Amino acid sequence: MTQIPVTVLTGYLGAGKTTLLNRILSEDHGQRYAVIVNEFGEIGIDGELVVGADEEVFEMNNGCVCCTVRGDLIRVLHGLMKRQASATRGFDAIIIETTGLADPGPVAQTFFVDEEVKAKARLDSVTTVVDAKHVLLSLSESREAREQIAFADQIVLNKTDLVSEDELKMLEARLRRLNPLAKIHRAVRSQVALEAVLGRGGFDLERIVALEPEFLNPAHGEEGHVHDDDCEHDHHHHDHHDHGGHADRLHADDIKGISLSLARPVDGTKVTKWLNDLLAAQGPDILRAKGIVNVAGEDRRLVFQAVHMMLEGDLQRAWAPDEARDSRMVFIGRNLDEAKLKAGFEACAV
């Protein structure tokens, strides 16, 4: 059975999520979307702002399906799946718009933990909308704003007309320190090509790596690029201070991304145990982890990803003849000890 792709749309208050959602719903793309709006508080307002949203699921004039939800996500998804099974023409995808104060982690975990949801839907991507004008203040004040960026597969850097090119470059560098994995799209009024943000398979590691072979391998000199040999580069993380008078300099980022690579093959049993132990010990602090591993004696690539303590991995396609069989991992989270992670990873080498 085909799994329905799900896009989680997140972003801090006022970043432009609802504007992007309305664009998705009103453009003439021939797709039908079921929309789940995750409200904050007792009085639902977001649903009123979504084009034509109503308590009932209904078909919009351009063929979208929209529903406002006040309940538990799994229950809602089960309900949507039942409707889908009995509908003459169901919907093509689901979009979940989270409240601006939400940590997207639990939403993403839903697609790992519930068997029925897992069988019928797959998390396609977590897309975070960021307000270029106010993001530094949000990052310095809000843990949720930092988590939304850390969780993203892609970031829509919105309201770019309100800041200078130099500020934009500095902002992009800052976002990459929080999340070296996410692709950044610049936008004004959430105008970004829909094919760039929908159906990207950001949670499908094989697909992302096929699209962007360097996805898990930050370039030399970028924050987080690590080798297993005696590399001359200095890869230590420093406290970074942004330009401008933000309270941020009092608050070095508590979230960072660390990339590791290893040229030697690894022992499959050791690396699995190491990852399981690591997530058991530090799961709440590890927001996202992804990796491609060269297991000794195995022709296929071991691909894994984790959301907090949930680890999923399997052997996927064979290594291509011209492909460097390097193992690569990226961890995004809090209180990450780079030297310890590197040592643990290298101890798995054959």
C-alpha atoms as a PDB file:
ATOM      1  CA  MET A   1       0.000   0.000   0.000  1.00  0.00           C
ATOM      2  CA  THR A   2       1.248   3.499  -0.821  1.00  0.00           C
ATOM      3  CA  GLN A   3       2.089   5.571   2.233  1.00  0.00           C
ATOM      4  CA  ILE A   4       0.723   9.115   2.279  1.00  0.00           C
ATOM      5  CA  PRO A   5       3.482  11.739   2.559  1.00  0.00           C
ATOM      6  CA  VAL A   6       3.209  14.110   5.525  1.00  0.00           C
ATOM      7  CA  THR A   7       4.823  17.553   5.719  1.00  0.00           C
ATOM      8  CA  VAL A   8       5.181  19.142   9.158  1.00  0.00           C
ATOM      9  CA  LEU A   9       5.148  22.920   8.810  1.00  0.00           C
ATOM     10  CA  THR A  10       6.618  24.714  11.802  1.00  0.00           C
ATOM     11  CA  GLY A  11       8.136  28.068  12.701  1.00  0.00           C
ATOM     12  CA  TYR A  12       8.100  30.635  15.454  1.00  0.00           C
ATOM     13  CA  LEU A  13       5.201  33.046  16.000  1.00  0.00           C
ATOM     14  CA  GLY A  14       4.742  35.415  13.078  1.00  0.00           C
ATOM     15  CA  ALA A  15       7.303  33.761  10.806  1.00  0.00           C
ATOM     16  CA  GLY A  16       4.834  33.230   7.946  1.00  0.00           C
ATOM     17  CA  LYS A  17       3.677  29.583   8.293  1.00  0.00           C
ATOM     18  CA  THR A  18       0.004  30.310   7.630  1.00  0.00           C
ATOM     19  CA  THR A  19       0.923  32.411   4.576  1.00  0.00           C
ATOM     20  CA  LEU A  20       2.900  29.470   3.177  1.00  0.00           C
ATOM     21  CA  LEU A  21       0.080  27.051   4.000  1.00  0.00           C
ATOM     22  CA  ASN A  22      -2.474  29.259   2.228  1.00  0.00           C
ATOM     23  CA  ARG A  23      -0.221  29.355  -0.832  1.00  0.00           C
ATOM     24  CA  ILE A  24      -0.028  25.565  -0.847  1.00  0.00           C
ATOM     25  CA  LEU A  25      -3.813  25.309  -0.588  1.00  0.00           C
ATOM     26  CA  SER A  26      -4.698  27.928  -3.181  1.00  0.00           C
ATOM     27  CA  GLU A  27      -2.194  27.227  -5.968  1.00  0.00           C
ATOM     28  CA  ASP A  28      -3.365  25.259  -8.969  1.00  0.00           C
ATOM     29  CA  HIS A  29      -1.298  22.103  -8.588  1.00  0.00           C
ATOM     30  CA  GLY A  30      -3.969  19.414  -8.890  1.00  0.00           C
ATOM     31  CA  GLN A  31      -3.044  17.922  -5.496  1.00  0.00           C
ATOM     32  CA  ARG A  32      -5.492  17.439  -2.623  1.00  0.00           C
ATOM     33  CA  TYR A  33      -4.174  18.079   0.875  1.00  0.00           C
ATOM     34  CA  ALA A  34      -5.584  17.213   4.262  1.00  0.00           C
ATOM     35  CA  VAL A  35      -4.471  19.896   6.690  1.00  0.00           C
ATOM     36  CA  ILE A  36      -4.153  19.475  10.442  1.00  0.00           C
ATOM     37  CA  VAL A  37      -3.805  22.723  12.362  1.00  0.00           C
ATOM     38  CA  ASN A  38      -2.348  22.200  15.817  1.00  0.00           C
ATOM     39  CA  GLU A  39      -3.910  24.965  17.933  1.00  0.00           C
ATOM     40  CA  PHE A  40      -2.452  26.520  21.077  1.00  0.00           C
ATOM     41  CA  GLY A  41      -4.806  27.163  23.988  1.00  0.00           C
ATOM     42  CA  GLU A  42      -8.550  26.688  24.366  1.00  0.00           C
ATOM     43  CA  ILE A  43      -9.686  29.181  21.742  1.00  0.00           C
ATOM     44  CA  GLY A  44      -8.743  28.142  18.226  1.00  0.00           C
ATOM     45  CA  ILE A  45      -7.733  31.019  15.986  1.00  0.00           C
ATOM     46  CA  ASP A  46      -5.263  29.520  13.509  1.00  0.00           C
ATOM     47  CA  GLY A  47      -8.003  27.471  11.868  1.00  0.00           C
ATOM     48  CA  GLU A  48      -9.936  30.641  11.083  1.00  0.00           C
ATOM     49  CA  LEU A  49      -6.898  32.050   9.276  1.00  0.00           C
ATOM     50  CA  VAL A  50      -6.432  29.061   6.995  1.00  0.00           C
ATOM     51  CA  VAL A  51      -8.131  29.503   3.627  1.00  0.00           C
ATOM     52  CA  GLY A  52     -11.670  28.128   3.955  1.00  0.00           C
ATOM     53  CA  ALA A  53     -10.838  26.074   7.053  1.00  0.00           C
ATOM     54  CA  ASP A  54     -13.734  24.558   8.946  1.00  0.00           C
ATOM     55  CA  GLU A  55     -14.353  22.027  11.715  1.00  0.00           C
ATOM     56  CA  GLU A  56     -15.449  19.497   9.098  1.00  0.00           C
ATOM     57  CA  VAL A  57     -13.251  17.984   6.460  1.00  0.00           C
ATOM     58  CA  PHE A  58     -14.398  19.412   3.169  1.00  0.00           C
ATOM     59  CA  GLU A  59     -13.207  19.754  -0.365  1.00  0.00           C
ATOM     60  CA  MET A  60     -12.027  23.173  -1.399  1.00  0.00           C
ATOM     61  CA  ASN A  61     -12.695  24.548  -4.863  1.00  0.00           C
ATOM     62  CA  ASN A  62      -9.136  23.806  -6.023  1.00  0.00           C
ATOM     63  CA  GLY A  63      -9.337  20.202  -4.863  1.00  0.00           C
ATOM     64  CA  CYS A  64      -7.687  20.523  -1.444  1.00  0.00           C
ATOM     65  CA  VAL A  65      -9.053  18.948   1.680  1.00  0.00           C
ATOM     66  CA  CYS A  66      -8.815  20.931   4.879  1.00  0.00           C
ATOM     67  CA  CYS A  67      -9.571  20.147   8.484  1.00  0.00           C
ATOM     68  CA  THR A  68      -8.978  21.954  11.734  1.00  0.00           C
ATOM     69  CA  VAL A  69      -8.051  19.704  14.568  1.00  0.00           C
ATOM     70  CA  ARG A  70      -8.314  20.128  18.320  1.00  0.00           C
ATOM     71  CA  GLY A  71      -7.418  16.577  19.356  1.00  0.00           C
ATOM     72  CA  ASP A  72      -4.602  14.152  19.628  1.00  0.00           C
ATOM     73  CA  LEU A  73      -2.501  13.747  16.487  1.00  0.00           C
ATOM     74  CA  ILE A  74      -2.603   9.955  16.327  1.00  0.00           C
ATOM     75  CA  ARG A  75      -6.385   9.888  16.756  1.00  0.00           C
ATOM     76  CA  VAL A  76      -6.747  12.480  14.018  1.00  0.00           C
ATOM     77  CA  LEU A  77      -4.427  10.592  11.674  1.00  0.00           C
ATOM     78  CA  HIS A  78      -6.371   7.356  12.285  1.00  0.00           C
ATOM     79  CA  GLY A  79      -9.567   9.237  11.424  1.00  0.00           C
ATOM     80  CA  LEU A  80      -8.013  10.629   8.241  1.00  0.00           C
ATOM     81  CA  MET A  81      -6.818   7.172   7.186  1.00  0.00           C
ATOM     82  CA  LYS A  82     -10.358   5.772   7.626  1.00  0.00           C
ATOM     83  CA  ARG A  83     -11.790   8.578   5.503  1.00  0.00           C
ATOM     84  CA  GLN A  84      -9.086   7.987   2.915  1.00  0.00           C
ATOM     85  CA  ALA A  85      -9.941   4.274   2.690  1.00  0.00           C
ATOM     86  CA  SER A  86     -13.654   4.947   2.063  1.00  0.00           C
ATOM     87  CA  ALA A  87     -13.319   8.020  -0.187  1.00  0.00           C
ATOM     88  CA  THR A  88     -13.778   7.780  -3.937  1.00  0.00           C
ATOM     89  CA  ARG A  89     -10.913  10.152  -4.383  1.00  0.00           C
ATOM     90  CA  GLY A  90      -8.842  10.644  -1.257  1.00  0.00           C
ATOM     91  CA  PHE A  91      -6.123  13.170  -0.591  1.00  0.00           C
ATOM     92  CA  ASP A  92      -2.584  13.073  -1.947  1.00  0.00           C
ATOM     93  CA  ALA A  93      -0.717  14.348   1.106  1.00  0.00           C
ATOM     94  CA  ILE A  94      -1.141  15.636   4.660  1.00  0.00           C
ATOM     95  CA  ILE A  95       0.213  18.918   6.031  1.00  0.00           C
ATOM     96  CA  ILE A  96       0.468  19.463   9.779  1.00  0.00           C
ATOM     97  CA  GLU A  97       0.857  23.098  10.806  1.00  0.00           C
ATOM     98  CA  THR A  98       2.133  23.249  14.378  1.00  0.00           C
ATOM     99  CA  THR A  99       1.604  26.148  16.742  1.00  0.00           C
ATOM    100  CA  GLY A 100       4.445  28.679  16.815  1.00  0.00           C
ATOM    101  CA  LEU A 101       5.287  27.559  20.345  1.00  0.00           C
ATOM    102  CA  ALA A 102       5.556  23.847  19.558  1.00  0.00           C
ATOM    103  CA  ASP A 103       8.584  21.588  19.666  1.00  0.00           C
ATOM    104  CA  PRO A 104       8.221  19.543  16.443  1.00  0.00           C
ATOM    105  CA  GLY A 105       9.973  16.524  18.026  1.00  0.00           C
ATOM    106  CA  PRO A 106       6.876  14.776  19.414  1.00  0.00           C
ATOM    107  CA  VAL A 107       5.051  15.363  16.108  1.00  0.00           C
ATOM    108  CA  ALA A 108       7.905  13.731  14.183  1.00  0.00           C
ATOM    109  CA  GLN A 109       8.039  10.852  16.677  1.00  0.00           C
ATOM    110  CA  THR A 110       4.379  10.027  15.988  1.00  0.00           C
ATOM    111  CA  PHE A 111       5.487   8.581  12.647  1.00  0.00           C
ATOM    112  CA  PHE A 112       7.960   6.266  14.357  1.00  0.00           C
ATOM    113  CA  VAL A 113       5.856   4.948  17.241  1.00  0.00           C
ATOM    114  CA  ASP A 114       2.338   4.186  16.020  1.00  0.00           C
ATOM    115  CA  GLU A 115       2.201   1.090  13.805  1.00  0.00           C
ATOM    116  CA  GLU A 116      -1.009   2.024  11.963  1.00  0.00           C
ATOM    117  CA  VAL A 117       0.217   5.539  11.235  1.00  0.00           C
ATOM    118  CA  LYS A 118       3.611   4.133  10.193  1.00  0.00           C
ATOM    119  CA  ALA A 119       1.977   1.664   7.801  1.00  0.00           C
ATOM    120  CA  LYS A 120      -0.226   4.244   6.084  1.00  0.00           C
ATOM    121  CA  ALA A 121       1.726   7.514   6.289  1.00  0.00           C
ATOM    122  CA  ARG A 122       5.361   8.532   6.093  1.00  0.00           C
ATOM    123  CA  LEU A 123       6.976  11.688   7.363  1.00  0.00           C
ATOM    124  CA  ASP A 124       8.178  13.461   4.221  1.00  0.00           C
ATOM    125  CA  SER A 125       9.793  16.477   5.834  1.00  0.00           C
ATOM    126  CA  VAL A 126       9.847  19.023   8.619  1.00  0.00           C
ATOM    127  CA  THR A 127       9.840  22.503   7.075  1.00  0.00           C
ATOM    128  CA  THR A 128      10.564  25.465   9.359  1.00  0.00           C
ATOM    129  CA  VAL A 129       9.665  29.032   8.398  1.00  0.00           C
ATOM    130  CA  VAL A 130      12.029  31.637   9.888  1.00  0.00           C
ATOM    131  CA  ASP A 131      11.485  35.402  10.140  1.00  0.00           C
ATOM    132  CA  ALA A 132      14.770  36.955   8.917  1.00  0.00           C
ATOM    133  CA  LYS A 133      14.061  40.245  10.697  1.00  0.00           C
ATOM    134  CA  HIS A 134      13.411  38.795  14.165  1.00  0.00           C
ATOM    135  CA  VAL A 135      15.073  35.388  14.206  1.00  0.00           C
ATOM    136  CA  LEU A 136      18.115  36.409  16.295  1.00  0.00           C
ATOM    137  CA  LEU A 137      15.886  37.704  19.069  1.00  0.00           C
ATOM    138  CA  SER A 138      13.707  34.553  18.900  1.00  0.00           C
ATOM    139  CA  LEU A 139      16.798  32.328  19.070  1.00  0.00           C
ATOM    140  CA  SER A 140      18.172  34.155  22.102  1.00  0.00           C
ATOM    141  CA  GLU A 141      14.855  34.037  23.962  1.00  0.00           C
ATOM    142  CA  SER A 142      13.172  30.809  22.935  1.00  0.00           C
ATOM    143  CA  ARG A 143      14.165  27.177  23.269  1.00  0.00           C
ATOM    144  CA  GLU A 144      11.290  26.263  20.915  1.00  0.00           C
ATOM    145  CA  ALA A 145      12.609  28.556  18.175  1.00  0.00           C
ATOM    146  CA  ARG A 146      15.993  26.818  18.377  1.00  0.00           C
ATOM    147  CA  GLU A 147      14.397  23.342  18.366  1.00  0.00           C
ATOM    148  CA  GLN A 148      12.252  24.157  15.328  1.00  0.00           C
ATOM    149  CA  ILE A 149      15.383  25.056  13.368  1.00  0.00           C
ATOM    150  CA  ALA A 150      17.333  22.047  14.655  1.00  0.00           C
ATOM    151  CA  PHE A 151      14.562  19.656  13.572  1.00  0.00           C
ATOM    152  CA  ALA A 152      14.124  21.002  10.058  1.00  0.00           C
ATOM    153  CA  ASP A 153      14.959  19.215   6.831  1.00  0.00           C
ATOM    154  CA  GLN A 154      14.575  22.575   5.185  1.00  0.00           C
ATOM    155  CA  ILE A 155      14.273  26.161   6.296  1.00  0.00           C
ATOM    156  CA  VAL A 156      12.288  28.880   4.546  1.00  0.00           C
ATOM    157  CA  LEU A 157      14.162  32.052   5.475  1.00  0.00           C
ATOM    158  CA  ASN A 158      11.264  34.464   5.079  1.00  0.00           C
ATOM    159  CA  LYS A 159      10.973  38.290   5.017  1.00  0.00           C
ATOM    160  CA  THR A 160      14.411  38.568   3.398  1.00  0.00           C
ATOM    161  CA  ASP A 161      13.427  41.970   1.961  1.00  0.00           C
ATOM    162  CA  LEU A 162      13.623  43.431   5.485  1.00  0.00           C
ATOM    163  CA  VAL A 163      17.340  42.769   6.021  1.00  0.00           C
ATOM    164  CA  SER A 164      20.561  43.416   4.076  1.00  0.00           C
ATOM    165  CA  GLU A 165      22.526  40.834   2.078  1.00  0.00           C
ATOM    166  CA  ASP A 166      25.314  40.885   4.694  1.00  0.00           C
ATOM    167  CA  GLU A 167      22.781  40.216   7.452  1.00  0.00           C
ATOM    168  CA  LEU A 168      21.289  37.373   5.406  1.00  0.00           C
ATOM    169  CA  LYS A 169      24.686  35.706   4.982  1.00  0.00           C
ATOM    170  CA  MET A 170      25.337  36.014   8.703  1.00  0.00           C
ATOM    171  CA  LEU A 171      21.868  34.590   9.477  1.00  0.00           C
ATOM    172  CA  GLU A 172      22.426  31.641   7.130  1.00  0.00           C
ATOM    173  CA  ALA A 173      25.764  30.877   8.793  1.00  0.00           C
ATOM    174  CA  ARG A 174      24.042  31.011  12.181  1.00  0.00           C
ATOM    175  CA  LEU A 175      21.244  28.669  11.036  1.00  0.00           C
ATOM    176  CA  ARG A 176      23.833  26.231   9.665  1.00  0.00           C
ATOM    177  CA  ARG A 177      25.557  26.097  13.033  1.00  0.00           C
ATOM    178  CA  LEU A 178      22.267  25.039  14.594  1.00  0.00           C
ATOM    179  CA  ASN A 179      21.486  22.650  11.743  1.00  0.00           C
ATOM    180  CA  PRO A 180      24.088  21.683   9.127  1.00  0.00           C
ATOM    181  CA  LEU A 181      21.596  19.370   7.365  1.00  0.00           C
ATOM    182  CA  ALA A 182      18.743  21.667   6.393  1.00  0.00           C
ATOM    183  CA  LYS A 183      18.519  23.258   2.952  1.00  0.00           C
ATOM    184  CA  ILE A 184      17.814  27.013   3.243  1.00  0.00           C
ATOM    185  CA  HIS A 185      15.367  28.719   0.832  1.00  0.00           C
ATOM    186  CA  ARG A 186      15.233  32.516   0.868  1.00  0.00           C
ATOM    187  CA  ALA A 187      11.735  33.965   0.507  1.00  0.00           C
ATOM    188  CA  VAL A 188       9.620  37.112   0.649  1.00  0.00           C
ATOM    189  CA  ARG A 189       6.004  36.663   1.863  1.00  0.00           C
ATOM    190  CA  SER A 190       6.619  32.879   1.942  1.00  0.00           C
ATOM    191  CA  GLN A 191       6.968  32.813  -1.873  1.00  0.00           C
ATOM    192  CA  VAL A 192       9.011  29.654  -2.367  1.00  0.00           C
ATOM    193  CA  ALA A 193       8.592  27.115  -5.175  1.00  0.00           C
ATOM    194  CA  LEU A 194       6.253  24.461  -3.792  1.00  0.00           C
ATOM    195  CA  GLU A 195       8.170  21.651  -5.465  1.00  0.00           C
ATOM    196  CA  ALA A 196      11.193  22.806  -3.448  1.00  0.00           C
ATOM    197  CA  VAL A 197       9.426  22.225  -0.120  1.00  0.00           C
ATOM    198  CA  LEU A 198       6.815  19.517  -0.792  1.00  0.00           C
ATOM    199  CA  GLY A 199       7.537  15.885  -1.624  1.00  0.00           C
ATOM    200  CA  ARG A 200      11.253  16.279  -0.930  1.00  0.00           C
ATOM    201  CA  GLY A 201      11.635  13.125   1.135  1.00  0.00           C
ATOM    202  CA  GLY A 202      13.666  14.886   3.808  1.00  0.00           C
ATOM    203  CA  PHE A 203      13.065  11.992   6.178  1.00  0.00           C
ATOM    204  CA  ASP A 204      13.908   9.506   3.427  1.00  0.00           C
ATOM    205  CA  LEU A 205      17.668   9.561   3.765  1.00  0.00           C
ATOM    206  CA  GLU A 206      18.297   7.495   0.641  1.00  0.00           C
ATOM    207  CA  ARG A 207      16.365   9.961  -1.495  1.00  0.00           C
ATOM    208  CA  ILE A 208      17.993  13.051  -0.002  1.00  0.00           C
ATOM    209  CA  VAL A 209      21.477  11.602  -0.425  1.00  0.00           C
ATOM    210  CA  ALA A 210      20.648  10.638  -4.012  1.00  0.00           C
ATOM    211  CA  LEU A 211      19.524  14.225  -4.692  1.00  0.00           C
ATOM    212  CA  GLU A 212      22.407  15.789  -2.793  1.00  0.00           C
ATOM    213  CA  PRO A 213      25.395  13.427  -2.447  1.00  0.00           C
ATOM    214  CA  GLU A 214      27.190  15.838  -0.087  1.00  0.00           C
ATOM    215  CA  PHE A 215      24.156  16.028   2.211  1.00  0.00           C
ATOM    216  CA  LEU A 216      25.913  14.397   5.167  1.00  0.00           C
ATOM    217  CA  ASN A 217      29.337  15.816   4.473  1.00  0.00           C
ATOM    218  CA  PRO A 218      29.826  19.523   5.294  1.00  0.00           C
ATOM    219  CA  ALA A 219      32.605  21.131   3.295  1.00  0.00           C
ATOM    220  CA  HIS A 220      36.091  21.715   4.696  1.00  0.00           C
ATOM    221  CA  GLY A 221      36.209  24.632   7.054  1.00  0.00           C
ATOM    222  CA  GLU A 222      32.480  24.494   7.797  1.00  0.00           C
ATOM    223  CA  GLU A 223      31.400  24.067  11.380  1.00  0.00           C
ATOM    224  CA  GLY A 224      31.243  20.392  12.232  1.00  0.00           C
ATOM    225  CA  HIS A 225      33.427  18.909   9.490  1.00  0.00           C
ATOM    226  CA  VAL A 226      35.427  16.111  11.127  1.00  0.00           C
ATOM    227  CA  HIS A 227      37.880  13.506   9.835  1.00  0.00           C
ATOM    228  CA  ASP A 228      39.072  10.247  11.304  1.00  0.00           C
ATOM    229  CA  ASP A 229      42.677  11.031  10.374  1.00  0.00           C
ATOM    230  CA  ASP A 230      45.007  13.632  11.851  1.00  0.00           C
ATOM    231  CA  CYS A 231      43.507  16.582  10.103  1.00  0.00           C
ATOM    232  CA  GLU A 232      45.234  19.950  10.299  1.00  0.00           C
ATOM    233  CA  HIS A 233      41.978  21.872  10.557  1.00  0.00           C
ATOM    234  CA  ASP A 234      40.823  23.127  13.912  1.00  0.00           C
ATOM    235  CA  HIS A 235      37.317  21.737  14.341  1.00  0.00           C
ATOM    236  CA  HIS A 236      36.607  22.893  17.876  1.00  0.00           C
ATOM    237  CA  HIS A 237      33.359  24.736  18.406  1.00  0.00           C
ATOM    238  CA  HIS A 238      33.628  28.281  19.649  1.00  0.00           C
ATOM    239  CA  ASP A 239      31.032  30.511  21.208  1.00  0.00           C
ATOM    240  CA  HIS A 240      29.787  32.638  18.343  1.00  0.00           C
ATOM    241  CA  HIS A 241      28.550  36.169  18.744  1.00  0.00           C
ATOM    242  CA  ASP A 242      26.228  37.687  16.192  1.00  0.00           C
ATOM    243  CA  HIS A 243      26.477  41.253  15.055  1.00  0.00           C
ATOM    244  CA  GLY A 244      23.982  43.675  16.486  1.00  0.00           C
ATOM    245  CA  GLY A 245      22.888  44.377  20.020  1.00  0.00           C
ATOM    246  CA  HIS A 246      20.946  41.176  20.650  1.00  0.00           C
ATOM    247  CA  ALA A 247      20.869  39.503  24.034  1.00  0.00           C
ATOM    248  CA  ASP A 248      22.237  36.559  22.087  1.00  0.00           C
ATOM    249  CA  ARG A 249      25.831  37.157  23.111  1.00  0.00           C
ATOM    250  CA  LEU A 250      24.790  36.294  26.649  1.00  0.00           C
ATOM    251  CA  HIS A 251      23.366  33.055  25.342  1.00  0.00           C
ATOM    252  CA  ALA A 252      25.649  30.886  23.213  1.00  0.00           C
ATOM    253  CA  ASP A 253      23.583  28.377  21.218  1.00  0.00           C
ATOM    254  CA  ASP A 254      22.709  25.390  23.348  1.00  0.00           C
ATOM    255  CA  ILE A 255      21.977  23.422  20.160  1.00  0.00           C
ATOM    256  CA  LYS A 256      24.645  22.574  17.621  1.00  0.00           C
ATOM    257  CA  GLY A 257      25.270  20.166  14.763  1.00  0.00           C
ATOM    258  CA  ILE A 258      28.247  17.809  14.754  1.00  0.00           C
ATOM    259  CA  SER A 259      29.352  15.875  11.658  1.00  0.00           C
ATOM    260  CA  LEU A 260      31.611  12.842  11.843  1.00  0.00           C
ATOM    261  CA  SER A 261      33.221  10.765   9.115  1.00  0.00           C
ATOM    262  CA  LEU A 262      35.246   7.568   9.156  1.00  0.00           C
ATOM    263  CA  ALA A 263      37.135   6.069   6.219  1.00  0.00           C
ATOM    264  CA  ARG A 264      37.546   2.588   7.741  1.00  0.00           C
ATOM    265  CA  PRO A 265      34.663   0.044   7.696  1.00  0.00           C
ATOM    266  CA  VAL A 266      32.811  -0.413  10.984  1.00  0.00           C
ATOM    267  CA  ASP A 267      31.692  -3.457  12.936  1.00  0.00           C
ATOM    268  CA  GLY A 268      27.891  -3.664  12.509  1.00  0.00           C
ATOM    269  CA  THR A 269      27.242  -5.042  16.007  1.00  0.00           C
ATOM    270  CA  LYS A 270      29.481  -2.453  17.672  1.00  0.00           C
ATOM    271  CA  VAL A 271      28.008   0.537  15.832  1.00  0.00           C
ATOM    272  CA  THR A 272      24.417  -0.599  16.575  1.00  0.00           C
ATOM    273  CA  LYS A 273      25.216  -1.038  20.281  1.00  0.00           C
ATOM    274  CA  TRP A 274      27.024   2.313  20.411  1.00  0.00           C
ATOM    275  CA  LEU A 275      24.075   4.156  18.813  1.00  0.00           C
ATOM    276  CA  ASN A 276      21.542   2.406  21.062  1.00  0.00           C
ATOM    277  CA  ASP A 277      23.574   3.177  24.202  1.00  0.00           C
ATOM    278  CA  LEU A 278      24.110   6.780  23.093  1.00  0.00           C
ATOM    279  CA  LEU A 279      20.401   7.369  22.495  1.00  0.00           C
ATOM    280  CA  ALA A 280      19.452   5.644  25.755  1.00  0.00           C
ATOM    281  CA  ALA A 281      21.843   7.941  27.646  1.00  0.00           C
ATOM    282  CA  GLN A 282      21.367  11.177  25.709  1.00  0.00           C
ATOM    283  CA  GLY A 283      18.136  10.693  23.756  1.00  0.00           C
ATOM    284  CA  PRO A 284      16.323  13.752  25.140  1.00  0.00           C
ATOM    285  CA  ASP A 285      19.313  15.922  24.127  1.00  0.00           C
ATOM    286  CA  ILE A 286      19.717  14.429  20.643  1.00  0.00           C
ATOM    287  CA  LEU A 287      17.052  16.114  18.549  1.00  0.00           C
ATOM    288  CA  ARG A 288      18.035  14.542  15.230  1.00  0.00           C
ATOM    289  CA  ALA A 289      20.686  12.131  14.005  1.00  0.00           C
ATOM    290  CA  LYS A 290      21.260  10.689  10.540  1.00  0.00           C
ATOM    291  CA  GLY A 291      23.942   8.556   9.028  1.00  0.00           C
ATOM    292  CA  ILE A 292      25.185   6.284   6.266  1.00  0.00           C
ATOM    293  CA  VAL A 293      27.482   3.529   7.501  1.00  0.00           C
ATOM    294  CA  ASN A 294      29.925   1.211   5.733  1.00  0.00           C
ATOM    295  CA  VAL A 295      29.517  -2.092   7.592  1.00  0.00           C
ATOM    296  CA  ALA A 296      32.467  -4.494   7.201  1.00  0.00           C
ATOM    297  CA  GLY A 297      31.633  -7.458   4.959  1.00  0.00           C
ATOM    298  CA  GLU A 298      28.367  -5.902   3.724  1.00  0.00           C
ATOM    299  CA  ASP A 299      27.834  -4.635   0.161  1.00  0.00           C
ATOM    300  CA  ARG A 300      24.848  -2.474   1.080  1.00  0.00           C
ATOM    301  CA  ARG A 301      24.842   0.835   2.913  1.00  0.00           C
ATOM    302  CA  LEU A 302      23.425   0.897   6.430  1.00  0.00           C
ATOM    303  CA  VAL A 303      21.221   4.006   6.636  1.00  0.00           C
ATOM    304  CA  PHE A 304      19.838   5.196   9.988  1.00  0.00           C
ATOM    305  CA  GLN A 305      18.108   8.141  11.523  1.00  0.00           C
ATOM    306  CA  ALA A 306      16.961   8.998  15.006  1.00  0.00           C
ATOM    307  CA  VAL A 307      14.490  11.395  16.590  1.00  0.00           C
ATOM    308  CA  HIS A 308      15.335  11.690  20.284  1.00  0.00           C
ATOM    309  CA  MET A 309      15.469   8.067  21.513  1.00  0.00           C
ATOM    310  CA  MET A 310      13.720   6.535  18.483  1.00  0.00           C
ATOM    311  CA  LEU A 311      16.251   4.853  16.189  1.00  0.00           C
ATOM    312  CA  GLU A 312      15.398   3.452  12.769  1.00  0.00           C
ATOM    313  CA  GLY A 313      17.869   1.918  10.380  1.00  0.00           C
ATOM    314  CA  ASP A 314      18.230  -0.715   7.690  1.00  0.00           C
ATOM    315  CA  LEU A 315      20.484  -1.883   4.894  1.00  0.00           C
ATOM    316  CA  GLN A 316      19.531  -0.060   1.730  1.00  0.00           C
ATOM    317  CA  ARG A 317      21.033   0.107  -1.745  1.00  0.00           C
ATOM    318  CA  ALA A 318      24.427  -1.356  -2.644  1.00  0.00           C
ATOM    319  CA  TRP A 319      27.471   0.923  -2.643  1.00  0.00           C
ATOM    320  CA  ALA A 320      28.174   2.181  -6.175  1.00  0.00           C
ATOM    321  CA  PRO A 321      31.525   1.067  -7.648  1.00  0.00           C
ATOM    322  CA  ASP A 322      32.805   4.665  -7.872  1.00  0.00           C
ATOM    323  CA  GLU A 323      31.468   5.695  -4.442  1.00  0.00           C
ATOM    324  CA  ALA A 324      33.789   6.417  -1.508  1.00  0.00           C
ATOM    325  CA  ARG A 325      32.764   3.976   1.212  1.00  0.00           C
ATOM    326  CA  ASP A 326      33.019   6.516   4.017  1.00  0.00           C
ATOM    327  CA  SER A 327      30.724   6.291   7.022  1.00  0.00           C
ATOM    328  CA  ARG A 328      29.125   9.645   7.792  1.00  0.00           C
ATOM    329  CA  MET A 329      26.939  10.750  10.683  1.00  0.00           C
ATOM    330  CA  VAL A 330      25.386  14.031  11.768  1.00  0.00           C
ATOM    331  CA  PHE A 331      24.089  14.684  15.279  1.00  0.00           C
ATOM    332  CA  ILE A 332      22.034  17.772  16.160  1.00  0.00           C
ATOM    333  CA  GLY A 333      21.293  18.442  19.797  1.00  0.00           C
ATOM    334  CA  ARG A 334      22.239  19.861  23.182  1.00  0.00           C
ATOM    335  CA  ASN A 335      25.214  19.127  25.417  1.00  0.00           C
ATOM    336  CA  LEU A 336      26.939  17.142  22.687  1.00  0.00           C
ATOM    337  CA  ASP A 337      30.562  16.281  23.439  1.00  0.00           C
ATOM    338  CA  GLU A 338      32.234  16.255  20.029  1.00  0.00           C
ATOM    339  CA  ALA A 339      35.444  14.540  21.186  1.00  0.00           C
ATOM    340  CA  LYS A 340      33.465  11.819  22.970  1.00  0.00           C
ATOM    341  CA  LEU A 341      31.186  11.213  19.972  1.00  0.00           C
ATOM    342  CA  LYS A 342      34.202  11.011  17.661  1.00  0.00           C
ATOM    343  CA  ALA A 343      35.984   8.551  19.987  1.00  0.00           C
ATOM    344  CA  GLY A 344      32.848   6.397  20.318  1.00  0.00           C
ATOM    345  CA  PHE A 345      32.347   6.296  16.555  1.00  0.00           C
ATOM    346  CA  GLU A 346      36.003   5.466  15.853  1.00  0.00           C
ATOM    347  CA  ALA A 347      35.931   2.671  18.457  1.00  0.00           C
ATOM    348  CA  CYS A 348      33.396   0.913  16.180  1.00  0.00           C
ATOM    349  CA  ALA A 349      35.936   0.687  13.335  1.00  0.00           C
ATOM    350  CA  VAL A 350      37.100  -2.790  12.372  1.00  0.00           C
END
